[in-house]
């Protein structure tokens, strides 16, 4: 019996190396990319009338928003529309509007929250307002949610919504932290 020459062995080794670990296994089925999941959680609050619906994905519409323009109502509406594409909420009622300075007391606006619905508040101040805060309170005065940013276009709740278990005379509160001027707030719900 003849032994293969070194040249034949080298050719076989080169062929095997070029093939890699050739196998006869069938190719794997294509794997579909995972669908993005919106992580939504529901949390209790100090109020027996409300739960919070939290979704970190909802904060992205505000984090990338740059207030443009002089008119607070137009800026608040643009912010709300941008976030509406993510939350699928719609405008509820007329915008709240006023004028305030940092040294002034916060201003409150009553509205009728409906059982089984969730809400967010979108605000905007004139360019002369550097920081503006928006709070949502229940009829007992318990703060249910507030804006978390330090700018002139706040959202309450930035990464969530206030959901009412029963009808309530709720309040949106506006407080100016730095500056003064006109502002507007739009309330959106599901």
Protein backbone atom coordinates (compact mmCIF):
# COMPACT_ATOMS: atom_id res chain seq x y z
CA UNK A 1 0.00 0.00 0.00
CA UNK A 2 1.24 3.34 -0.91
CA UNK A 3 1.36 6.25 1.50
CA UNK A 4 0.12 9.58 0.25
CA UNK A 5 2.82 12.01 -0.53
CA UNK A 6 3.34 15.15 1.41
CA UNK A 7 1.98 17.10 -1.54
CA UNK A 8 -1.35 15.22 -1.47
CA UNK A 9 -1.63 15.68 2.31
CA UNK A 10 -0.92 19.39 1.95
CA UNK A 11 -3.60 19.68 -0.76
CA UNK A 12 -6.16 17.91 1.45
CA UNK A 13 -5.28 20.18 4.40
CA UNK A 14 -5.64 23.28 2.22
CA UNK A 15 -9.00 22.07 0.93
CA UNK A 16 -10.23 21.39 4.46
CA UNK A 17 -9.03 24.81 5.64
CA UNK A 18 -10.78 26.54 2.72
CA UNK A 19 -13.99 24.71 3.53
CA UNK A 20 -13.80 25.51 7.21
CA UNK A 21 -15.70 23.01 9.26
CA UNK A 22 -17.80 21.77 6.34
CA UNK A 23 -20.80 19.83 7.46
CA UNK A 24 -23.84 18.41 5.86
CA UNK A 25 -26.25 20.06 8.30
CA UNK A 26 -29.07 22.03 6.67
CA UNK A 27 -28.79 25.79 6.97
CA UNK A 28 -30.51 27.34 9.97
CA UNK A 29 -33.88 28.96 9.42
CA UNK A 30 -33.70 32.74 9.24
CA UNK A 31 -34.43 34.42 12.55
CA UNK A 32 -36.71 37.45 12.51
CA UNK A 33 -35.42 40.45 14.44
CA UNK A 34 -37.21 40.92 17.77
CA UNK A 35 -40.06 43.41 17.77
CA UNK A 36 -39.56 46.44 19.99
CA UNK A 37 -41.47 46.04 23.22
CA UNK A 38 -42.94 48.99 25.06
CA UNK A 39 -42.29 48.29 28.71
CA UNK A 40 -45.36 49.65 30.45
CA UNK A 41 -45.93 49.35 34.16
CA UNK A 42 -48.72 50.51 36.44
CA UNK A 43 -47.84 51.95 39.83
CA UNK A 44 -49.90 53.04 42.80
CA UNK A 45 -49.80 56.60 44.11
CA UNK A 46 -50.64 58.28 47.41
CA UNK A 47 -54.07 58.97 45.89
CA UNK A 48 -56.70 56.24 45.98
CA UNK A 49 -58.21 57.81 42.83
CA UNK A 50 -55.23 57.32 40.53
CA UNK A 51 -52.58 54.95 39.22
CA UNK A 52 -49.56 55.89 37.14
CA UNK A 53 -48.98 54.26 33.77
CA UNK A 54 -45.22 54.38 33.22
CA UNK A 55 -43.53 53.84 29.89
CA UNK A 56 -39.90 54.99 29.46
CA UNK A 57 -40.34 55.08 25.67
CA UNK A 58 -42.73 58.01 26.08
CA UNK A 59 -39.91 60.23 27.39
CA UNK A 60 -38.11 60.09 24.04
CA UNK A 61 -40.54 62.50 22.38
CA UNK A 62 -39.71 65.17 24.96
CA UNK A 63 -35.98 64.51 25.27
CA UNK A 64 -35.43 65.27 21.58
CA UNK A 65 -37.81 68.24 21.44
CA UNK A 66 -36.32 71.72 20.97
CA UNK A 67 -38.79 74.56 21.63
CA UNK A 68 -38.91 76.79 18.57
CA UNK A 69 -40.93 79.95 18.27
CA UNK A 70 -42.19 82.80 20.37
CA UNK A 71 -45.80 81.70 20.88
CA UNK A 72 -46.21 79.37 23.91
CA UNK A 73 -49.48 77.90 22.58
CA UNK A 74 -47.82 76.88 19.30
CA UNK A 75 -44.81 75.37 21.11
CA UNK A 76 -47.02 73.43 23.58
CA UNK A 77 -49.10 72.15 20.68
CA UNK A 78 -46.01 71.07 18.71
CA UNK A 79 -44.65 69.20 21.74
CA UNK A 80 -48.01 67.52 22.37
CA UNK A 81 -48.33 66.49 18.71
CA UNK A 82 -44.80 65.07 18.73
CA UNK A 83 -45.57 63.01 21.82
CA UNK A 84 -49.03 62.07 20.56
CA UNK A 85 -47.36 60.05 17.82
CA UNK A 86 -45.71 57.93 20.55
CA UNK A 87 -48.49 57.79 23.19
CA UNK A 88 -51.47 57.76 20.81
CA UNK A 89 -53.20 60.29 23.09
CA UNK A 90 -55.33 63.18 21.79
CA UNK A 91 -56.03 66.72 22.95
CA UNK A 92 -58.63 67.07 25.69
CA UNK A 93 -60.37 70.45 25.89
CA UNK A 94 -58.93 73.90 25.39
CA UNK A 95 -55.39 74.91 26.35
CA UNK A 96 -54.77 76.68 29.65
CA UNK A 97 -52.93 79.97 29.19
CA UNK A 98 -51.59 82.70 31.43
CA UNK A 99 -48.63 84.83 32.35
CA UNK A 100 -46.40 84.39 35.36
CA UNK A 101 -43.09 85.40 36.93
CA UNK A 102 -40.77 83.22 39.00
CA UNK A 103 -41.62 85.16 42.19
CA UNK A 104 -45.40 84.72 41.70
CA UNK A 105 -47.51 81.98 43.25
CA UNK A 106 -48.22 78.94 41.06
CA UNK A 107 -51.42 79.10 39.01
CA UNK A 108 -53.96 76.25 39.02
CA UNK A 109 -56.51 75.20 36.40
CA UNK A 110 -59.35 72.78 37.19
CA UNK A 111 -60.55 70.16 34.73
CA UNK A 112 -62.77 67.10 34.87
CA UNK A 113 -60.82 63.87 34.77
CA UNK A 114 -62.84 60.84 33.67
CA UNK A 115 -62.67 57.38 35.21
CA UNK A 116 -60.80 54.86 33.10
CA UNK A 117 -58.74 57.49 31.26
CA UNK A 118 -55.09 58.52 31.42
CA UNK A 119 -53.73 62.06 30.99
CA UNK A 120 -50.53 64.00 30.33
CA UNK A 121 -49.94 67.76 30.42
CA UNK A 122 -47.69 69.54 27.88
CA UNK A 123 -46.54 73.06 28.64
CA UNK A 124 -44.51 75.79 27.00
CA UNK A 125 -43.35 79.19 28.12
CA UNK A 126 -42.24 82.22 26.19
CA UNK A 127 -38.49 82.38 25.46
CA UNK A 128 -38.17 84.75 28.46
CA UNK A 129 -39.09 81.78 30.71
CA UNK A 130 -36.04 79.61 31.36
CA UNK A 131 -37.67 76.92 33.54
CA UNK A 132 -41.32 75.99 33.93
CA UNK A 133 -42.89 73.20 35.96
CA UNK A 134 -46.27 71.51 35.45
CA UNK A 135 -48.00 69.40 38.12
CA UNK A 136 -51.16 67.29 38.01
CA UNK A 137 -53.12 67.08 41.30
CA UNK A 138 -56.29 65.27 42.31
CA UNK A 139 -59.22 67.01 44.06
CA UNK A 140 -57.65 66.27 47.46
CA UNK A 141 -54.54 68.25 46.43
CA UNK A 142 -52.26 65.22 46.14
CA UNK A 143 -49.57 65.68 43.49
CA UNK A 144 -50.00 62.81 41.05
CA UNK A 145 -47.30 63.68 38.56
CA UNK A 146 -44.95 66.50 37.68
CA UNK A 147 -42.50 67.52 35.01
CA UNK A 148 -38.94 66.39 35.50
CA UNK A 149 -37.06 68.70 33.12
CA UNK A 150 -35.47 72.09 33.64
CA UNK A 151 -36.61 73.85 30.49
CA UNK A 152 -39.43 75.97 29.17
CA UNK A 153 -41.35 73.06 27.64
CA UNK A 154 -42.27 70.61 30.43
CA UNK A 155 -44.29 67.38 30.29
CA UNK A 156 -46.13 65.87 33.24
CA UNK A 157 -45.38 62.85 33.36
CA UNK A 158 -42.39 62.69 31.11
CA UNK A 159 -42.32 58.89 30.98
CA UNK A 160 -45.91 58.12 31.81
CA UNK A 161 -49.49 59.23 32.39
CA UNK A 162 -51.86 59.80 35.29
CA UNK A 163 -54.78 57.33 35.10
CA UNK A 164 -57.99 57.97 37.04
CA UNK A 165 -59.97 55.13 38.62
CA UNK A 166 -62.94 57.46 39.23
CA UNK A 167 -64.19 60.81 37.95
CA UNK A 168 -62.38 63.66 39.68
CA UNK A 169 -62.05 67.44 39.63
CA UNK A 170 -58.33 67.43 38.98
CA UNK A 171 -55.96 70.38 38.69
CA UNK A 172 -53.06 71.32 36.44
CA UNK A 173 -50.64 73.62 38.28
CA UNK A 174 -48.09 75.86 36.55
CA UNK A 175 -45.04 77.20 38.37
CA UNK A 176 -42.29 79.33 36.82
CA UNK A 177 -38.85 78.56 38.20
CA UNK A 178 -36.78 81.14 36.31
CA UNK A 179 -37.89 84.08 34.17
CA UNK A 180 -41.32 85.48 33.42
CA UNK A 181 -43.79 85.70 30.57
CA UNK A 182 -46.70 84.02 28.87
CA UNK A 183 -47.26 80.26 28.92
CA UNK A 184 -49.72 77.66 27.66
CA UNK A 185 -50.55 74.10 28.74
CA UNK A 186 -52.39 71.44 26.74
CA UNK A 187 -53.99 68.42 28.36
CA UNK A 188 -53.97 65.17 26.35
CA UNK A 189 -55.61 61.85 27.17
CA UNK A 190 -56.37 58.42 25.82
